[in-house]
Protein backbone atom coordinates (compact mmCIF):
# COMPACT_ATOMS: atom_id res chain seq x y z
CA UNK A 1 45.38 -1.91 2.49
CA UNK A 2 42.88 -1.65 -0.33
CA UNK A 3 43.00 -4.36 -3.16
CA UNK A 4 44.27 -7.37 -2.54
CA UNK A 5 47.81 -9.35 -0.86
CA UNK A 6 49.91 -11.38 -3.30
CA UNK A 7 52.32 -13.66 -2.59
CA UNK A 8 55.34 -14.32 -5.30
CA UNK A 9 56.81 -17.77 -5.42
CA UNK A 10 59.61 -18.51 -7.80
CA UNK A 11 60.61 -22.35 -8.46
CA UNK A 12 63.89 -23.65 -10.22
CA UNK A 13 62.88 -25.30 -13.57
CA UNK A 14 66.22 -27.00 -13.49
CA UNK A 15 66.83 -25.57 -16.82
CA UNK A 16 69.34 -22.61 -17.91
CA UNK A 17 69.26 -19.74 -20.03
CA UNK A 18 72.97 -20.04 -21.30
CA UNK A 19 74.28 -20.00 -17.79
CA UNK A 20 71.71 -18.44 -16.03
CA UNK A 21 69.48 -20.65 -13.76
CA UNK A 22 65.74 -20.47 -14.86
CA UNK A 23 62.57 -20.27 -12.52
CA UNK A 24 58.85 -20.43 -13.05
CA UNK A 25 57.46 -17.60 -11.69
CA UNK A 26 54.21 -17.40 -9.86
CA UNK A 27 51.29 -15.38 -7.49
CA UNK A 28 49.48 -16.64 -4.82
CA UNK A 29 46.88 -14.12 -3.98
CA UNK A 30 45.59 -14.52 -0.85
CA UNK A 31 41.86 -13.91 -1.64
CA UNK A 32 41.65 -16.80 -4.34
CA UNK A 33 42.55 -20.40 -4.08
CA UNK A 34 43.76 -20.08 -7.63
CA UNK A 35 47.54 -19.52 -8.49
CA UNK A 36 49.06 -17.68 -11.53
CA UNK A 37 51.55 -18.57 -13.62
CA UNK A 38 53.52 -15.52 -14.54
CA UNK A 39 55.72 -17.26 -16.81
CA UNK A 40 59.61 -18.54 -16.77
CA UNK A 41 62.59 -15.72 -15.88
CA UNK A 42 65.65 -15.57 -14.20
CA UNK A 43 65.22 -15.53 -10.02
CA UNK A 44 63.25 -12.39 -8.86
CA UNK A 45 63.92 -9.97 -6.56
CA UNK A 46 61.32 -7.93 -5.39
CA UNK A 47 60.96 -4.15 -5.17
CA UNK A 48 59.51 -1.45 -2.45
CA UNK A 49 56.60 -0.26 -3.45
CA UNK A 50 58.08 3.32 -2.81
CA UNK A 51 59.56 2.83 -6.28
CA UNK A 52 56.50 2.97 -8.16
CA UNK A 53 56.25 6.45 -9.15
CA UNK A 54 60.20 6.36 -10.45
CA UNK A 55 59.42 3.18 -12.69
CA UNK A 56 56.30 4.86 -13.81
CA UNK A 57 53.64 2.17 -12.03
CA UNK A 58 50.47 2.61 -11.11
CA UNK A 59 49.78 3.53 -7.14
CA UNK A 60 47.25 0.61 -7.74
CA UNK A 61 50.15 -1.69 -7.79
CA UNK A 62 50.41 -4.09 -4.91
CA UNK A 63 53.61 -5.85 -5.93
CA UNK A 64 56.88 -4.90 -8.09
CA UNK A 65 59.35 -7.41 -8.71
CA UNK A 66 62.41 -7.61 -11.73
CA UNK A 67 64.70 -9.80 -12.96
CA UNK A 68 68.09 -9.65 -14.18
CA UNK A 69 71.16 -11.05 -16.18
CA UNK A 70 74.07 -9.55 -17.51
CA UNK A 71 72.17 -5.57 -17.32
CA UNK A 72 68.95 -6.68 -19.07
CA UNK A 73 65.86 -8.63 -17.58
CA UNK A 74 62.48 -7.33 -16.89
CA UNK A 75 60.33 -5.40 -14.41
CA UNK A 76 57.17 -6.49 -13.47
CA UNK A 77 54.51 -4.82 -11.53
CA UNK A 78 50.99 -6.96 -10.28
CA UNK A 79 47.52 -4.77 -10.02
CA UNK A 80 44.80 -6.71 -8.00
CA UNK A 81 42.19 -3.84 -7.65
CA UNK A 82 39.12 -5.33 -6.92
CA UNK A 83 38.66 -6.85 -9.76
CA UNK A 84 40.87 -9.18 -11.51
CA UNK A 85 44.89 -9.70 -10.69
CA UNK A 86 46.86 -8.50 -13.64
CA UNK A 87 50.40 -8.75 -14.32
CA UNK A 88 52.87 -6.62 -16.47
CA UNK A 89 56.05 -6.74 -17.60
CA UNK A 90 58.49 -4.51 -19.64
CA UNK A 91 61.78 -5.70 -21.07
CA UNK A 92 64.73 -4.06 -20.31
CA UNK A 93 67.62 -3.90 -22.53
CA UNK A 94 71.25 -3.20 -21.33
CA UNK A 95 72.21 0.44 -21.02
CA UNK A 96 74.74 1.07 -23.92
CA UNK A 97 76.02 4.18 -25.46
CA UNK A 98 73.56 4.44 -27.87
CA UNK A 99 70.50 3.62 -25.74
CA UNK A 100 70.92 5.40 -22.78
CA UNK A 101 68.66 8.06 -23.78
CA UNK A 102 65.93 5.53 -25.41
CA UNK A 103 62.32 5.89 -23.41
CA UNK A 104 61.45 2.59 -21.62
CA UNK A 105 59.68 0.42 -23.10
CA UNK A 106 56.09 0.51 -22.70
CA UNK A 107 54.20 -2.28 -20.33
CA UNK A 108 52.61 -5.44 -21.47
CA UNK A 109 49.70 -6.95 -19.94
CA UNK A 110 51.01 -10.80 -19.48
CA UNK A 111 49.28 -12.84 -17.14
CA UNK A 112 45.72 -12.19 -15.67
CA UNK A 113 43.30 -14.41 -12.82
CA UNK A 114 39.52 -13.50 -13.24
């Protein structure tokens, strides 16, 4: 597989966002000794890489995951091409009659490890 292998780990913070437990999200690239703090969010779930085209994610992504609570959440993807590890996120709102046809939000760079 080109690029790097990256593992996601989530550690409970002991805090909540309302009633939902929060987790600190870290990535562990196998080719580097450092971990990368992604941020704090609800519990993540991994997505299959074959979902990348449907989610408008570049084919160079090495990891996809999402967080959700009550119909809203975030989607993340990780690129680890021969250069730095980069994490992108987009926040998703709960689908409502007024926003069902809206375009998905743009991806934003949220963390990187050089």
